[in-house]
């Protein structure tokens, strides 16, 4: 529970609209935090959010880089735990502006 709260507090600071009443959605065992402004997301935030169970993008980005293995663990080609600024800058424009978590998505 502490990891979820910590992640939501980080993501709250990078929402496009701070007054958003419903910034989350849950479907198919995936929790989404939507309407994130990727220009405000730092590399340190991505590293921390990854450790807390969140990665950027949505199911629609599967062809870009997002994959999960049968155990529900992230198994994509980008290592979000160590991603650098150059890589982040090159992919963030291709992603849906949300973060998602399989870890916290069973609703």
Protein backbone atom coordinates (compact mmCIF):
# COMPACT_ATOMS: atom_id res chain seq x y z
CA UNK A 1 0.00 0.00 0.00
CA UNK A 2 2.87 2.37 0.77
CA UNK A 3 4.30 1.89 -2.73
CA UNK A 4 0.96 2.74 -4.33
CA UNK A 5 0.54 5.88 -2.25
CA UNK A 6 4.13 6.97 -2.95
CA UNK A 7 3.62 6.49 -6.70
CA UNK A 8 0.32 8.40 -6.71
CA UNK A 9 1.90 11.31 -4.85
CA UNK A 10 4.66 11.54 -7.46
CA UNK A 11 2.20 11.31 -10.34
CA UNK A 12 -0.10 13.90 -8.79
CA UNK A 13 2.64 16.49 -9.29
CA UNK A 14 2.87 15.86 -13.05
CA UNK A 15 -0.78 15.80 -14.08
CA UNK A 16 -1.81 18.21 -16.82
CA UNK A 17 -4.76 19.38 -14.74
CA UNK A 18 -4.17 19.56 -11.01
CA UNK A 19 -7.91 19.73 -10.39
CA UNK A 20 -8.65 16.46 -12.17
CA UNK A 21 -11.30 14.59 -10.19
CA UNK A 22 -10.77 11.23 -11.87
CA UNK A 23 -7.14 10.82 -12.99
CA UNK A 24 -7.18 7.03 -12.65
CA UNK A 25 -8.78 4.18 -14.55
CA UNK A 26 -8.62 0.43 -14.17
CA UNK A 27 -9.26 -2.18 -16.83
CA UNK A 28 -8.02 -5.66 -17.64
CA UNK A 29 -5.97 -5.86 -14.44
CA UNK A 30 -4.12 -2.63 -15.24
CA UNK A 31 -4.27 0.57 -13.17
CA UNK A 32 -3.79 3.74 -15.22
CA UNK A 33 -2.96 7.25 -14.05
CA UNK A 34 -3.99 9.39 -17.01
CA UNK A 35 -3.37 12.90 -18.33
CA UNK A 36 0.28 12.97 -17.28
CA UNK A 37 2.45 15.77 -18.65
CA UNK A 38 5.56 13.85 -19.75
CA UNK A 39 7.51 17.11 -20.04
CA UNK A 40 7.33 17.40 -16.24
CA UNK A 41 8.43 13.80 -15.64
CA UNK A 42 12.10 13.55 -14.72
CA UNK A 43 14.40 10.57 -15.15
CA UNK A 44 14.56 10.19 -11.36
CA UNK A 45 10.76 10.01 -11.27
CA UNK A 46 10.73 7.28 -13.92
CA UNK A 47 13.34 5.25 -12.03
CA UNK A 48 11.37 5.61 -8.78
CA UNK A 49 7.99 4.89 -10.39
CA UNK A 50 9.40 1.78 -12.03
CA UNK A 51 10.60 0.49 -8.65
CA UNK A 52 7.12 1.24 -7.28
CA UNK A 53 5.46 -0.77 -10.07
CA UNK A 54 4.55 1.85 -12.71
CA UNK A 55 5.76 2.33 -16.28
CA UNK A 56 4.85 5.06 -18.77
CA UNK A 57 2.39 4.44 -21.59
CA UNK A 58 -0.70 2.33 -22.18
CA UNK A 59 -1.76 -0.89 -23.93
CA UNK A 60 -1.94 1.10 -27.15
CA UNK A 61 1.84 1.57 -26.93
CA UNK A 62 2.58 -2.17 -27.05
CA UNK A 63 4.11 -1.82 -30.48
CA UNK A 64 6.49 0.85 -29.16
CA UNK A 65 7.98 -0.84 -26.12
CA UNK A 66 5.51 -2.07 -23.54
CA UNK A 67 5.22 -5.82 -22.83
CA UNK A 68 4.43 -7.97 -19.82
CA UNK A 69 5.35 -11.61 -19.34
CA UNK A 70 2.92 -14.32 -18.17
CA UNK A 71 3.69 -13.49 -14.54
CA UNK A 72 2.53 -9.90 -15.06
CA UNK A 73 6.02 -8.46 -14.80
CA UNK A 74 7.25 -5.78 -17.21
CA UNK A 75 9.23 -7.49 -19.95
CA UNK A 76 9.78 -4.76 -22.52
CA UNK A 77 12.83 -3.66 -24.42
CA UNK A 78 13.43 -0.48 -22.38
CA UNK A 79 14.88 -0.76 -18.88
CA UNK A 80 12.94 1.92 -17.01
CA UNK A 81 15.01 1.33 -13.90
CA UNK A 82 18.08 2.72 -15.70
CA UNK A 83 16.63 4.69 -18.65
CA UNK A 84 18.64 7.80 -19.53
CA UNK A 85 17.44 11.28 -20.52
CA UNK A 86 18.26 10.83 -24.21
CA UNK A 87 16.21 7.64 -24.48
CA UNK A 88 13.31 9.14 -22.52
CA UNK A 89 13.28 12.22 -24.75
CA UNK A 90 13.23 10.01 -27.85
CA UNK A 91 10.24 7.87 -26.77
CA UNK A 92 7.99 10.08 -24.66
CA UNK A 93 6.34 11.68 -27.69
CA UNK A 94 5.29 8.23 -28.94
CA UNK A 95 3.58 7.16 -25.71
CA UNK A 96 0.06 7.68 -24.48
CA UNK A 97 0.25 10.28 -21.68
CA UNK A 98 -0.30 7.94 -18.76
CA UNK A 99 1.51 5.62 -16.39
CA UNK A 100 0.25 2.11 -15.78
CA UNK A 101 0.72 -0.64 -13.26
CA UNK A 102 -0.09 -4.30 -13.49
CA UNK A 103 0.97 -4.67 -9.87
CA UNK A 104 -1.89 -2.51 -8.59
CA UNK A 105 -4.41 -3.17 -11.34
CA UNK A 106 -6.54 -5.98 -10.02
CA UNK A 107 -9.74 -4.17 -9.22
